[in-house]
Amino acid sequence: MIQIRRKQAAPATAPVDLFNDADRSGGKGSLMEDLRRTVSSNIRMKPTYADCWLIGSADDLDVIEEYDIPSGHVTIGTAADGETEYNLIPSEYSATDFTDSVVKEAIDEVRNRFAEEGGRMDRQTVLNIASEVLADRMSEEGISPGSDLGIDAGRVGDIVYRYTLGLGVFDILLSDPKLEDIYVDAPCERNRIHVTLGEIHGGNSHMRCRTNLIAERREVQNLTNTLKRESGLPFCESNPILECDMKAQDARATVVGYPMSPEGDAVAIRKRSERTWTLTRLIANGTIDEGQAGLLSFLVQNRATFLICGARGAGKSSLLSALLMEFPLSQRILTIEDTAELPGKVMRDMGYKVQSILVDERLQGDSSSRSAEALRVSLRLGESAIIIGEVRGAEAKVLYESMRTGKAGSSIMGTIHGDSAHTVFQRVVHDMGISPEAFMATDVLVTTGDYRDRRTGAQTRRVSEIVSTTDRPGEFVELSAKLPDFTVPVMRRAMSTASMSEKEAADEISARGMLHGILAEMGREDETYLTPKWIVAANETIARMSGKTPEEIASAFRAKIRGTTGGRP
C-alpha cells in the first residue's frame, strides 16, 4: 500500500542550492537520511503547493545516464522489474522546510494580489513578489542576506513562477534538452508520466521510459487551460481534441478530452530539437554515412524530387530539415506545415529566401483539405522549391497533378508515413488515388528507421534505404554513392541539368561526401562545424572548384578551415 508524505526531503542525488550546509552532511537524523528512508519505502512525496507526486528511488536503478537540468536532477536507469525509468527530482522537492514555506507564502501572495488587483501578471511581477516575501521572512528569522544558508532568491522566484503562471512539472520536463516526447495517459492520477529521450550518451539513440512522476488531475487541467488560453482554440465536450503549438517551449501539444477520452484528459507533447539539423550532424550521430550525405547533397543541388518515409519518430523531419540546408542560397523555398518544425527562421537569417505557410486549426476544413489549399496557393507564389511537412491525402492529388502538368516548383520534398519505398507506393496509389504513372514523378525515396540495441534497449535512427524510381511504374533501384547508377531517370536529369559526364558527376558526389565527412569528424569535438554555415561553405567550395578532383577539393577545404578559424585540418 502506498503511503502519502507531503513534507518533502532532500535526495542524495539532487545537488540543489536550497539547503542549509548542515543538512548536507548525511549524518544520522539528517534531512538526507530521512529522504533515503522515505523514498526507499515506495512513499509518494511532493511539496504541499505542487500537484505532481514522486514515487520510488533513483538509488534502486541500474544507472544508464545521470545529469543535472536547470531545475532538477535526472537519473535514467533500469528498474528491478526491467523497465527503463526516467527519474526526476525537481529542485523544489528537495528544499528545506524554510524554503518550502517561503515558496508557499509567495505563491499565496501572488494569487491574492491577482484576486485583489486583477490585470495581467507577468514573470517579472511574480519574481518581484517572491523576492519581497523572501526578504521579509529572512528579516523575521534574523537571517542576514550574506549568510551561508544557500537560499537563492532567483531560484525561489523560478519555483513560485512555475506554480502560478507556469506549467508546474511540465516546465521542468520541457527544460531537459534530451527529452523528445511527454505522454500523460488518462486517468492521470493513476498512471505514471512516460517520456521519449534522445541523444543518450551523446549518440542518436533514443528510448521510451516511464518516469517516477504521477500528475494529479489539477496539474493536467492547468496545462490544458494554459494551452486553450494561449492558442485561442476551443476545447470542450463538443470539441474534445486540442492541437496547438507551445511557442514558449518550442513544442507541439495534443490533448484528447471527454467524451473521446472517458477517463479524463490525455496529453502528448512533442518537443522540437534545439539544434538545427544538417547532413554533417546526421553523419556525426550515425544516422547516415558520408557517402549517403554526398549523394543526397548532389541530388538536392540538382533539383530532385524527394519523399522521406518512415514511422513516427524515425527522424523524417530531421532529415528533411537537413536536406533544406543543401540548397544553394539563390534557391527560393516555400514550406507548408501544420506544425512549425522546419528551420525557416534559421535559413532566413542565413540569407535564404524562405516563405513559410502554416496550416493550423484556425483555417476551415480538415488538415488534408487545408494543406491542399495551401499547396494551390503556393503554386501561384512564383517559381520555388516546395517543401511539404507531411503528405497525407488531398494535397497529394494537387501535388502530383501540378508535377504532371509542369506547374510545380523547381524541386519538391516532403515526408510521408511508410516503412519502405514499396509501402509508400502502395499507399499513395491505392489509398490516395494517385495513378502509378503520376507517382513516378517522385525521383528519390529515402527511408529512415529505428533499430533496437538488444543490450540497452535504446532505439537508433538510421537511413535504411535510398532508392530511385525508374521508367517503369512501381519499380525502384537502389542508389549508391560508391556505384552510382547513371541510367536511372533522376541521374540522367541531374547530369543534363549540370552539363556533367558520368565521371564528373561521380567525382562531385565523392567530393561532397568527403567535405561533409571532414565537417562531421571535426564536429565531434566542436559542434560549430555541424552548423549550417559550414554546409554553405562546403558547397560553395565545390561550386568554385568545379572540374577539380575530390582530393583537390578536400585539400582546399581543409585549408579554408585553417585560414578561417585556425582549426586543425
Protein backbone atom coordinates (compact mmCIF):
# COMPACT_ATOMS: atom_id res chain seq x y z
CA MET A 1 0.00 0.00 0.00
CA ILE A 2 1.37 3.39 -0.98
CA GLN A 3 1.72 5.85 1.85
CA ILE A 4 1.44 9.60 1.36
CA ARG A 5 4.05 12.02 2.60
CA ARG A 6 3.55 15.74 1.98
CA LYS A 7 6.64 17.08 3.77
CA GLN A 8 9.47 16.85 1.27
CA ALA A 9 13.08 15.99 1.97
CA ALA A 10 16.35 16.24 0.08
CA PRO A 11 17.57 13.30 -2.05
CA ALA A 12 21.22 12.41 -2.19
CA THR A 13 21.15 12.74 -5.97
CA ALA A 14 19.90 16.36 -6.14
CA PRO A 15 22.68 18.97 -5.96
CA VAL A 16 20.44 21.98 -5.25
CA ASP A 17 21.44 25.33 -3.69
CA LEU A 18 18.37 25.50 -1.46
CA PHE A 19 19.83 23.66 1.57
CA ASN A 20 21.48 24.74 4.72
CA ASP A 21 25.02 23.32 4.52
CA ALA A 22 24.39 21.49 7.77
CA ASP A 23 21.65 19.49 6.09
CA ARG A 24 24.08 18.10 3.50
CA SER A 25 26.14 16.08 5.94
CA GLY A 26 24.10 12.92 5.53
CA GLY A 27 24.62 12.12 9.21
CA LYS A 28 22.22 10.28 11.50
CA GLY A 29 18.86 12.03 11.71
CA SER A 30 19.73 14.44 8.86
CA LEU A 31 17.40 15.56 6.10
CA MET A 32 19.34 13.42 3.62
CA GLU A 33 18.96 10.24 5.63
CA ASP A 34 15.28 11.00 6.19
CA LEU A 35 14.75 11.15 2.45
CA ARG A 36 16.58 7.88 1.85
CA ARG A 37 14.27 6.14 4.27
CA THR A 38 11.26 7.83 2.68
CA VAL A 39 11.84 7.03 -0.98
CA SER A 40 13.14 3.51 -0.37
CA SER A 41 9.71 2.61 1.04
CA ASN A 42 7.83 3.46 -2.16
CA ILE A 43 6.24 6.50 -0.49
CA ARG A 44 4.70 9.20 -2.65
CA MET A 45 6.02 12.67 -1.90
CA LYS A 46 5.56 16.26 -3.01
CA PRO A 47 5.51 19.81 -1.61
CA THR A 48 2.08 20.97 -0.45
CA TYR A 49 1.82 23.54 -3.27
CA ALA A 50 2.68 21.08 -6.08
CA ASP A 51 0.31 18.78 -7.93
CA CYS A 52 2.67 16.02 -9.03
CA TRP A 53 3.87 13.09 -6.90
CA LEU A 54 7.28 11.42 -6.95
CA ILE A 55 7.38 7.68 -6.43
CA GLY A 56 10.31 5.30 -5.98
CA SER A 57 14.01 5.99 -5.67
CA ALA A 58 16.83 6.59 -8.14
CA ASP A 59 19.03 4.52 -5.83
CA ASP A 60 17.14 1.42 -6.96
CA LEU A 61 18.05 1.90 -10.63
CA ASP A 62 20.87 0.36 -12.61
CA VAL A 63 22.11 3.72 -13.92
CA ILE A 64 22.44 4.32 -17.67
CA GLU A 65 22.98 8.08 -17.54
CA GLU A 66 22.75 10.82 -14.93
CA TYR A 67 22.80 14.60 -15.32
CA ASP A 68 21.52 17.94 -14.00
CA ILE A 69 18.96 20.17 -15.70
CA PRO A 70 18.22 23.79 -14.68
CA SER A 71 15.53 22.88 -12.13
CA GLY A 72 16.34 19.36 -11.09
CA HIS A 73 18.39 16.20 -11.34
CA VAL A 74 17.75 13.30 -13.74
CA THR A 75 18.76 9.66 -13.39
CA ILE A 76 17.99 7.27 -16.25
CA GLY A 77 18.28 3.61 -15.41
CA THR A 78 16.82 0.14 -15.43
CA ALA A 79 14.48 -0.76 -12.56
CA ALA A 80 14.28 -4.14 -10.86
CA ASP A 81 11.24 -5.07 -12.97
CA GLY A 82 13.23 -4.49 -16.19
CA GLU A 83 11.54 -1.19 -17.09
CA THR A 84 13.66 1.77 -18.16
CA GLU A 85 12.92 4.71 -15.87
CA TYR A 86 13.46 8.46 -16.15
CA ASN A 87 13.79 9.53 -12.51
CA LEU A 88 13.42 13.29 -11.98
CA ILE A 89 13.99 15.09 -8.68
CA PRO A 90 12.78 18.71 -9.12
CA SER A 91 14.75 21.22 -7.05
CA GLU A 92 11.68 22.25 -5.03
CA TYR A 93 11.11 18.64 -3.94
CA SER A 94 14.43 18.71 -2.12
CA ALA A 95 14.19 22.14 -0.48
CA THR A 96 14.43 22.84 3.24
CA ASP A 97 11.29 23.44 5.29
CA PHE A 98 12.17 27.15 5.47
CA THR A 99 12.49 27.49 1.70
CA ASP A 100 9.32 25.46 1.23
CA SER A 101 7.36 27.77 3.50
CA VAL A 102 8.71 30.86 1.72
CA VAL A 103 7.63 29.46 -1.66
CA LYS A 104 4.16 28.61 -0.32
CA GLU A 105 3.74 32.10 1.16
CA ALA A 106 4.90 33.76 -2.08
CA ILE A 107 2.50 31.64 -4.16
CA ASP A 108 -0.38 32.71 -1.89
CA GLU A 109 0.68 36.35 -2.16
CA VAL A 110 0.76 36.19 -5.97
CA ARG A 111 -2.75 34.75 -6.04
CA ASN A 112 -4.07 37.26 -3.51
CA ARG A 113 -2.69 40.24 -5.41
CA PHE A 114 -4.15 38.97 -8.65
CA ALA A 115 -7.56 38.49 -6.98
CA GLU A 116 -7.46 41.96 -5.47
CA GLU A 117 -5.86 43.99 -8.26
CA GLY A 118 -6.76 42.00 -11.39
CA GLY A 119 -4.89 42.94 -14.55
CA ARG A 120 -2.24 40.74 -16.07
CA MET A 121 0.50 39.05 -14.10
CA ASP A 122 3.85 38.53 -15.81
CA ARG A 123 7.07 36.77 -14.92
CA GLN A 124 8.85 39.83 -13.56
CA THR A 125 5.94 40.68 -11.26
CA VAL A 126 5.97 37.16 -9.84
CA LEU A 127 9.74 37.25 -9.32
CA ASN A 128 9.47 40.61 -7.55
CA ILE A 129 6.78 39.29 -5.19
CA ALA A 130 8.84 36.18 -4.42
CA SER A 131 11.88 38.34 -3.67
CA GLU A 132 9.87 40.57 -1.34
CA VAL A 133 8.44 37.62 0.57
CA LEU A 134 11.88 36.00 0.90
CA ALA A 135 13.43 39.26 2.16
CA ASP A 136 10.65 39.72 4.73
CA ARG A 137 10.94 36.14 6.01
CA MET A 138 14.72 36.33 6.28
CA SER A 139 14.35 39.56 8.24
CA GLU A 140 11.80 37.95 10.57
CA GLU A 141 14.08 34.96 11.15
CA GLY A 142 17.13 37.16 11.68
CA ILE A 143 18.90 35.70 8.65
CA SER A 144 21.33 38.11 7.03
CA PRO A 145 21.45 38.30 3.19
CA GLY A 146 25.10 37.25 3.24
CA SER A 147 24.55 34.12 5.31
CA ASP A 148 25.71 30.69 4.15
CA LEU A 149 22.23 29.15 4.06
CA GLY A 150 22.44 28.92 0.30
CA ILE A 151 18.96 30.41 -0.32
CA ASP A 152 18.89 31.79 -3.85
CA ALA A 153 16.19 34.43 -4.46
CA GLY A 154 16.27 33.81 -8.21
CA ARG A 155 15.67 30.10 -7.82
CA VAL A 156 12.90 30.65 -5.28
CA GLY A 157 11.30 33.05 -7.79
CA ASP A 158 11.52 30.43 -10.53
CA ILE A 159 9.68 27.91 -8.35
CA VAL A 160 6.97 30.42 -7.47
CA TYR A 161 6.51 31.28 -11.13
CA ARG A 162 6.32 27.59 -12.06
CA TYR A 163 3.36 27.05 -9.71
CA THR A 164 1.47 30.25 -10.51
CA LEU A 165 1.83 31.29 -14.15
CA GLY A 166 3.87 28.30 -15.31
CA LEU A 167 3.16 24.67 -16.15
CA GLY A 168 4.38 23.05 -12.94
CA VAL A 169 6.33 19.85 -13.50
CA PHE A 170 5.85 20.12 -17.27
CA ASP A 171 8.08 23.21 -17.30
CA ILE A 172 10.85 21.13 -15.74
CA LEU A 173 10.41 18.24 -18.17
CA LEU A 174 10.40 20.58 -21.16
CA SER A 175 13.67 22.14 -19.99
CA ASP A 176 15.51 18.82 -20.46
CA PRO A 177 17.33 19.02 -23.83
CA LYS A 178 17.36 15.22 -24.13
CA LEU A 179 13.60 14.89 -23.84
CA GLU A 180 11.64 14.48 -27.09
CA ASP A 181 8.10 13.44 -26.08
CA ILE A 182 5.90 13.55 -22.96
CA TYR A 183 2.84 11.30 -22.60
CA VAL A 184 0.13 11.52 -19.94
CA ASP A 185 -2.47 8.75 -20.13
CA ALA A 186 -5.90 9.03 -18.52
CA PRO A 187 -6.69 8.81 -15.70
CA CYS A 188 -3.54 10.79 -14.98
CA GLU A 189 -3.66 10.28 -11.21
CA ARG A 190 -3.31 6.52 -11.65
CA ASN A 191 -0.67 6.44 -14.40
CA ARG A 192 2.96 7.45 -14.47
CA ILE A 193 4.01 10.07 -16.99
CA HIS A 194 6.01 8.49 -19.83
CA VAL A 195 8.70 10.14 -21.97
CA THR A 196 10.87 9.54 -25.01
CA LEU A 197 14.52 10.57 -24.77
CA GLY A 198 17.11 11.19 -27.45
CA GLU A 199 20.89 11.53 -27.69
CA ILE A 200 21.59 9.08 -24.88
CA HIS A 201 25.36 9.06 -24.29
CA GLY A 202 25.66 11.74 -26.98
CA GLY A 203 24.59 9.49 -29.86
CA ASN A 204 21.44 9.31 -31.96
CA SER A 205 19.85 6.58 -29.87
CA HIS A 206 16.52 7.20 -28.22
CA MET A 207 14.44 5.30 -25.70
CA ARG A 208 10.96 5.22 -24.24
CA CYS A 209 10.83 5.40 -20.46
CA ARG A 210 8.36 5.52 -17.65
CA THR A 211 9.01 8.27 -15.12
CA ASN A 212 8.75 8.48 -11.34
CA LEU A 213 6.07 11.19 -11.80
CA ILE A 214 2.32 10.87 -11.27
CA ALA A 215 0.40 14.07 -12.06
CA GLU A 216 -2.76 14.97 -10.22
CA ARG A 217 -5.79 15.98 -12.29
CA ARG A 218 -5.27 19.64 -11.34
CA GLU A 219 -1.78 19.58 -12.87
CA VAL A 220 -3.11 18.34 -16.20
CA GLN A 221 -6.07 20.73 -16.08
CA ASN A 222 -3.69 23.65 -15.54
CA LEU A 223 -1.71 22.57 -18.61
CA THR A 224 -4.88 22.22 -20.69
CA ASN A 225 -6.26 25.59 -19.59
CA THR A 226 -2.97 27.28 -20.46
CA LEU A 227 -2.96 25.69 -23.92
CA LYS A 228 -6.58 26.81 -24.51
CA ARG A 229 -5.82 30.37 -23.39
CA GLU A 230 -2.62 30.78 -25.39
CA SER A 231 -3.89 29.12 -28.59
CA GLY A 232 -7.38 30.62 -28.58
CA LEU A 233 -8.74 27.25 -29.73
CA PRO A 234 -11.87 25.54 -28.35
CA PHE A 235 -11.63 22.50 -26.11
CA CYS A 236 -14.83 21.08 -24.63
CA GLU A 237 -17.17 18.09 -24.92
CA SER A 238 -18.24 19.12 -28.41
CA ASN A 239 -14.58 19.78 -29.40
CA PRO A 240 -12.64 17.16 -27.40
CA ILE A 241 -9.39 17.45 -29.38
CA LEU A 242 -6.92 20.30 -28.90
CA GLU A 243 -3.81 20.51 -31.10
CA CYS A 244 -1.62 23.57 -30.78
CA ASP A 245 1.93 24.90 -30.66
CA MET A 246 3.60 25.71 -27.35
CA LYS A 247 5.70 28.57 -28.67
CA ALA A 248 7.46 29.45 -25.42
CA GLN A 249 8.56 25.82 -25.01
CA ASP A 250 9.18 25.20 -28.74
CA ALA A 251 6.89 22.18 -28.66
CA ARG A 252 3.62 20.84 -30.04
CA ALA A 253 0.79 19.55 -27.83
CA THR A 254 -2.18 17.28 -28.47
CA VAL A 255 -4.88 16.88 -25.82
CA VAL A 256 -7.82 14.46 -26.02
CA GLY A 257 -10.66 15.05 -23.56
CA TYR A 258 -14.07 13.73 -22.59
CA PRO A 259 -16.07 12.08 -24.14
CA MET A 260 -13.39 10.84 -26.56
CA SER A 261 -11.19 10.07 -23.55
CA PRO A 262 -13.77 8.97 -20.94
CA GLU A 263 -11.25 8.73 -18.05
CA GLY A 264 -10.08 12.34 -18.33
CA ASP A 265 -7.65 14.38 -20.42
CA ALA A 266 -4.82 12.53 -22.19
CA VAL A 267 -1.83 14.58 -23.33
CA ALA A 268 1.02 14.13 -25.82
CA ILE A 269 3.73 16.79 -26.16
CA ARG A 270 6.43 16.66 -28.78
CA LYS A 271 9.46 18.90 -28.34
CA ARG A 272 11.33 20.28 -31.30
CA SER A 273 15.05 19.83 -31.48
CA GLU A 274 17.07 22.73 -30.09
CA ARG A 275 19.70 22.13 -32.77
CA THR A 276 19.44 22.84 -36.48
CA TRP A 277 19.80 19.56 -38.36
CA THR A 278 22.40 19.21 -41.11
CA LEU A 279 23.73 16.22 -43.01
CA THR A 280 27.01 16.63 -41.13
CA ARG A 281 25.18 16.36 -37.80
CA LEU A 282 23.45 13.21 -39.03
CA ILE A 283 26.82 11.75 -40.05
CA ALA A 284 28.26 12.61 -36.64
CA ASN A 285 25.47 10.82 -34.77
CA GLY A 286 25.46 7.78 -37.06
CA THR A 287 22.16 8.31 -38.90
CA ILE A 288 23.85 8.34 -42.33
CA ASP A 289 27.35 7.86 -43.67
CA GLU A 290 29.35 10.39 -45.66
CA GLY A 291 28.72 8.58 -48.94
CA GLN A 292 24.95 8.86 -48.46
CA ALA A 293 25.37 12.51 -47.50
CA GLY A 294 27.35 13.24 -50.67
CA LEU A 295 24.73 11.54 -52.83
CA LEU A 296 21.80 13.36 -51.19
CA SER A 297 23.61 16.71 -51.39
CA PHE A 298 24.25 16.18 -55.12
CA LEU A 299 20.61 15.30 -55.77
CA VAL A 300 19.29 18.33 -53.85
CA GLN A 301 21.62 20.65 -55.71
CA ASN A 302 20.27 19.27 -58.96
CA ARG A 303 16.60 19.71 -58.02
CA ALA A 304 15.50 16.14 -57.46
CA THR A 305 12.07 15.41 -56.01
CA PHE A 306 12.17 13.60 -52.64
CA LEU A 307 9.81 11.69 -50.41
CA ILE A 308 11.24 10.83 -46.99
CA CYS A 309 9.41 7.93 -45.40
CA GLY A 310 9.46 6.17 -42.07
CA ALA A 311 7.44 5.57 -38.92
CA ARG A 312 6.55 8.25 -36.40
CA GLY A 313 9.66 9.32 -34.52
CA ALA A 314 12.03 7.77 -37.08
CA GLY A 315 13.67 11.11 -37.90
CA LYS A 316 11.84 12.08 -41.11
CA SER A 317 11.52 15.77 -40.23
CA SER A 318 15.14 15.93 -39.06
CA LEU A 319 16.38 14.57 -42.39
CA LEU A 320 14.06 16.89 -44.34
CA SER A 321 15.42 19.88 -42.40
CA ALA A 322 18.97 18.74 -43.13
CA LEU A 323 18.28 18.43 -46.86
CA LEU A 324 17.00 22.02 -46.98
CA MET A 325 20.45 23.22 -45.99
CA GLU A 326 21.87 21.69 -49.18
CA PHE A 327 20.02 24.14 -51.43
CA PRO A 328 22.12 26.99 -52.83
CA LEU A 329 21.44 30.38 -51.24
CA SER A 330 19.91 31.54 -54.53
CA GLN A 331 17.09 28.99 -54.28
CA ARG A 332 13.68 30.35 -53.27
CA ILE A 333 11.87 27.97 -50.91
CA LEU A 334 8.21 27.62 -49.87
CA THR A 335 7.45 25.49 -46.82
CA ILE A 336 3.97 24.14 -45.99
CA GLU A 337 3.45 22.76 -42.46
CA ASP A 338 0.73 22.26 -39.90
CA THR A 339 3.39 22.20 -37.17
CA ALA A 340 6.30 24.62 -37.41
CA GLU A 341 9.28 22.21 -37.40
CA LEU A 342 11.33 23.25 -40.43
CA PRO A 343 14.15 25.77 -39.86
CA GLY A 344 12.64 28.66 -41.83
CA LYS A 345 13.85 31.41 -39.48
CA VAL A 346 17.37 29.98 -39.29
CA MET A 347 17.56 29.85 -43.08
CA ARG A 348 16.23 33.40 -43.50
CA ASP A 349 18.87 34.62 -41.05
CA MET A 350 21.49 32.93 -43.24
CA GLY A 351 20.26 34.72 -46.37
CA TYR A 352 17.93 32.07 -47.84
CA LYS A 353 14.66 33.23 -49.40
CA VAL A 354 12.12 31.19 -47.42
CA GLN A 355 8.36 31.74 -47.33
CA SER A 356 6.66 29.72 -44.60
CA ILE A 357 2.99 28.74 -44.83
CA LEU A 358 1.50 27.42 -41.59
CA VAL A 359 -1.71 25.41 -41.89
CA ASP A 360 -3.40 25.11 -38.49
CA GLU A 361 -6.81 24.63 -36.90
CA ARG A 362 -7.82 28.26 -37.31
CA LEU A 363 -8.39 27.64 -41.02
CA GLN A 364 -11.55 25.97 -42.28
CA GLY A 365 -11.68 22.30 -43.25
CA ASP A 366 -9.73 19.28 -42.09
CA SER A 367 -5.93 19.06 -42.11
CA SER A 368 -5.80 17.41 -45.54
CA SER A 369 -8.04 19.96 -47.27
CA ARG A 370 -6.23 22.86 -45.60
CA SER A 371 -2.88 21.52 -46.82
CA ALA A 372 -4.27 21.06 -50.33
CA GLU A 373 -5.47 24.69 -50.41
CA ALA A 374 -2.10 25.89 -49.08
CA LEU A 375 -0.37 23.97 -51.86
CA ARG A 376 -2.63 25.52 -54.50
CA VAL A 377 -1.74 28.96 -53.16
CA SER A 378 1.97 28.16 -53.11
CA LEU A 379 1.87 27.23 -56.79
CA ARG A 380 0.74 30.79 -57.52
CA LEU A 381 3.54 32.40 -55.49
CA GLY A 382 6.19 32.04 -58.18
CA GLU A 383 8.87 29.50 -59.08
CA SER A 384 10.22 27.93 -55.89
CA ALA A 385 11.21 24.70 -54.26
CA ILE A 386 8.14 23.38 -52.44
CA ILE A 387 8.63 21.63 -49.10
CA ILE A 388 5.64 19.83 -47.55
CA GLY A 389 5.98 18.92 -43.88
CA GLU A 390 3.83 15.80 -44.28
CA VAL A 391 1.97 14.36 -47.28
CA ARG A 392 -1.35 12.91 -46.09
CA GLY A 393 -4.17 12.89 -48.63
CA ALA A 394 -5.93 15.60 -50.64
CA GLU A 395 -2.76 17.66 -51.07
CA ALA A 396 -1.10 14.65 -52.73
CA LYS A 397 -3.53 14.88 -55.66
CA VAL A 398 -2.80 18.59 -56.07
CA LEU A 399 0.92 17.92 -55.80
CA TYR A 400 1.12 15.17 -58.41
CA GLU A 401 -1.25 16.97 -60.77
CA SER A 402 0.98 20.05 -60.65
CA MET A 403 4.08 17.91 -61.19
CA ARG A 404 2.46 16.14 -64.14
CA THR A 405 1.47 19.42 -65.82
CA GLY A 406 4.77 21.16 -65.09
CA LYS A 407 3.27 23.69 -62.69
CA ALA A 408 5.20 22.52 -59.66
CA GLY A 409 8.32 24.19 -58.34
CA SER A 410 11.92 23.54 -59.24
CA SER A 411 12.25 20.95 -56.51
CA ILE A 412 9.74 19.20 -54.24
CA MET A 413 10.33 17.46 -50.92
CA GLY A 414 8.03 16.02 -48.31
CA THR A 415 7.69 13.39 -45.62
CA ILE A 416 5.20 10.53 -45.59
CA HIS A 417 4.47 7.60 -43.28
CA GLY A 418 5.69 4.25 -44.61
CA ASP A 419 8.47 1.77 -43.91
CA SER A 420 9.81 1.39 -47.46
CA ALA A 421 9.50 2.75 -50.99
CA HIS A 422 7.16 -0.09 -51.98
CA THR A 423 4.91 0.57 -48.98
CA VAL A 424 4.71 4.26 -49.84
CA PHE A 425 3.97 3.46 -53.49
CA GLN A 426 1.08 1.21 -52.45
CA ARG A 427 -0.28 3.82 -50.05
CA VAL A 428 -0.10 6.72 -52.49
CA VAL A 429 -1.54 4.77 -55.41
CA HIS A 430 -4.25 2.75 -53.63
CA ASP A 431 -5.14 4.90 -50.61
CA MET A 432 -4.65 8.39 -52.06
CA GLY A 433 -5.80 7.64 -55.60
CA ILE A 434 -2.66 8.78 -57.44
CA SER A 435 -2.01 6.93 -60.70
CA PRO A 436 1.15 4.76 -60.78
CA GLU A 437 2.45 6.81 -63.72
CA ALA A 438 1.99 10.09 -61.81
CA PHE A 439 3.77 8.70 -58.75
CA MET A 440 6.88 8.14 -60.84
CA ALA A 441 7.38 11.92 -60.87
CA THR A 442 8.90 11.24 -57.44
CA ASP A 443 12.61 10.93 -58.15
CA VAL A 444 14.01 9.64 -54.87
CA LEU A 445 12.60 7.90 -51.80
CA VAL A 446 14.64 7.83 -48.60
CA THR A 447 13.56 5.55 -45.75
CA THR A 448 14.54 6.19 -42.14
CA GLY A 449 14.07 3.54 -39.49
CA ASP A 450 14.51 2.62 -35.83
CA TYR A 451 16.86 -0.20 -34.83
CA ARG A 452 16.86 -1.58 -31.29
CA ASP A 453 20.02 -2.15 -29.32
CA ARG A 454 19.40 -5.52 -27.65
CA ARG A 455 21.81 -4.71 -24.82
CA THR A 456 20.50 -1.27 -23.75
CA GLY A 457 17.01 -1.34 -25.27
CA ALA A 458 17.70 2.04 -26.92
CA GLN A 459 16.40 2.73 -30.40
CA THR A 460 18.86 4.02 -33.01
CA ARG A 461 17.74 6.00 -36.06
CA ARG A 462 19.38 5.24 -39.39
CA VAL A 463 18.72 5.76 -43.08
CA SER A 464 17.93 2.26 -44.27
CA GLU A 465 17.14 2.82 -47.95
CA ILE A 466 17.78 5.34 -50.72
CA VAL A 467 16.09 4.38 -54.00
CA SER A 468 15.19 5.97 -57.29
CA THR A 469 12.10 5.47 -59.39
CA THR A 470 12.62 4.11 -62.90
CA ASP A 471 10.80 4.36 -66.22
CA ARG A 472 8.52 1.51 -65.09
CA PRO A 473 5.78 2.32 -62.52
CA GLY A 474 6.32 0.58 -59.19
CA GLU A 475 9.94 -0.33 -59.89
CA PHE A 476 12.76 1.06 -57.76
CA VAL A 477 16.55 0.97 -58.00
CA GLU A 478 18.87 1.39 -55.03
CA LEU A 479 21.11 4.44 -55.24
CA SER A 480 24.68 4.14 -54.03
CA ALA A 481 27.41 6.77 -53.77
CA LYS A 482 30.07 4.14 -54.46
CA LEU A 483 28.45 2.73 -57.59
CA PRO A 484 26.01 5.37 -58.87
CA ASP A 485 23.53 4.09 -61.45
CA PHE A 486 23.56 6.86 -64.04
CA THR A 487 20.92 5.13 -66.17
CA VAL A 488 18.01 5.93 -63.83
CA PRO A 489 15.89 8.98 -64.73
CA VAL A 490 16.93 11.18 -61.80
CA MET A 491 20.63 10.73 -62.57
CA ARG A 492 20.11 11.37 -66.26
CA ARG A 493 18.27 14.62 -65.47
CA ALA A 494 20.87 15.69 -62.89
CA MET A 495 23.74 15.24 -65.35
CA SER A 496 21.76 17.08 -68.03
CA THR A 497 20.94 19.96 -65.68
CA ALA A 498 24.56 20.31 -64.56
CA SER A 499 26.06 19.53 -68.01
CA MET A 500 28.19 16.76 -66.49
CA SER A 501 29.60 13.49 -67.69
CA GLU A 502 29.22 10.36 -65.56
CA LYS A 503 32.77 10.74 -64.25
CA GLU A 504 32.25 14.38 -63.35
CA ALA A 505 29.03 13.53 -61.53
CA ALA A 506 30.71 10.67 -59.66
CA ASP A 507 33.59 12.96 -58.67
CA GLU A 508 31.21 15.62 -57.35
CA ILE A 509 29.26 13.08 -55.30
CA SER A 510 32.55 11.85 -53.85
CA ALA A 511 33.75 15.40 -53.11
CA ARG A 512 30.51 16.31 -51.36
CA GLY A 513 30.78 13.20 -49.22
CA MET A 514 34.39 13.93 -48.33
CA LEU A 515 33.67 17.53 -47.28
CA HIS A 516 30.67 16.50 -45.23
CA GLY A 517 32.82 13.81 -43.62
CA ILE A 518 35.54 16.32 -42.72
CA LEU A 519 32.99 18.58 -41.01
CA ALA A 520 31.36 15.64 -39.19
CA GLU A 521 34.73 14.48 -37.87
CA MET A 522 35.63 17.94 -36.61
CA GLY A 523 32.12 18.44 -35.26
CA ARG A 524 32.55 15.58 -32.80
CA GLU A 525 34.90 17.87 -30.88
CA ASP A 526 33.46 21.27 -31.81
CA GLU A 527 29.75 21.44 -32.71
CA THR A 528 30.32 24.67 -34.64
CA TYR A 529 31.38 22.54 -37.63
CA LEU A 530 27.98 20.81 -37.66
CA THR A 531 26.08 24.06 -38.17
CA PRO A 532 24.52 25.23 -41.48
CA LYS A 533 27.11 27.94 -42.15
CA TRP A 534 29.77 25.27 -42.74
CA ILE A 535 27.45 23.38 -45.09
CA VAL A 536 27.16 26.56 -47.15
CA ALA A 537 30.95 26.97 -47.08
CA ALA A 538 31.50 23.37 -48.21
CA ASN A 539 29.02 23.63 -51.10
CA GLU A 540 30.48 26.96 -52.20
CA THR A 541 33.95 25.39 -52.27
CA ILE A 542 32.66 22.61 -54.54
CA ALA A 543 30.96 25.09 -56.88
CA ARG A 544 34.09 27.24 -57.10
CA MET A 545 36.38 24.26 -57.82
CA SER A 546 34.24 22.54 -60.44
CA GLY A 547 36.38 20.19 -62.52
CA LYS A 548 38.93 19.52 -59.78
CA THR A 549 39.41 16.07 -58.27
CA PRO A 550 37.70 15.21 -54.97
CA GLU A 551 41.08 15.09 -53.27
CA GLU A 552 42.00 18.57 -54.52
CA ILE A 553 38.67 19.96 -53.34
CA ALA A 554 39.06 18.32 -49.93
CA SER A 555 42.58 19.72 -49.58
CA ALA A 556 41.38 23.23 -50.46
CA PHE A 557 38.53 22.95 -47.98
CA ARG A 558 40.86 21.91 -45.17
CA ALA A 559 43.00 24.95 -45.99
CA LYS A 560 39.89 27.13 -45.86
CA ILE A 561 39.08 25.80 -42.40
CA ARG A 562 42.61 26.51 -41.18
CA GLY A 563 42.54 30.01 -42.64
CA THR A 564 39.10 30.86 -41.29
CA THR A 565 39.29 29.50 -37.77
CA GLY A 566 42.83 28.43 -37.11
CA GLY A 567 41.38 24.96 -36.54
CA ARG A 568 43.10 21.70 -37.26
CA PRO A 569 42.73 20.39 -40.85
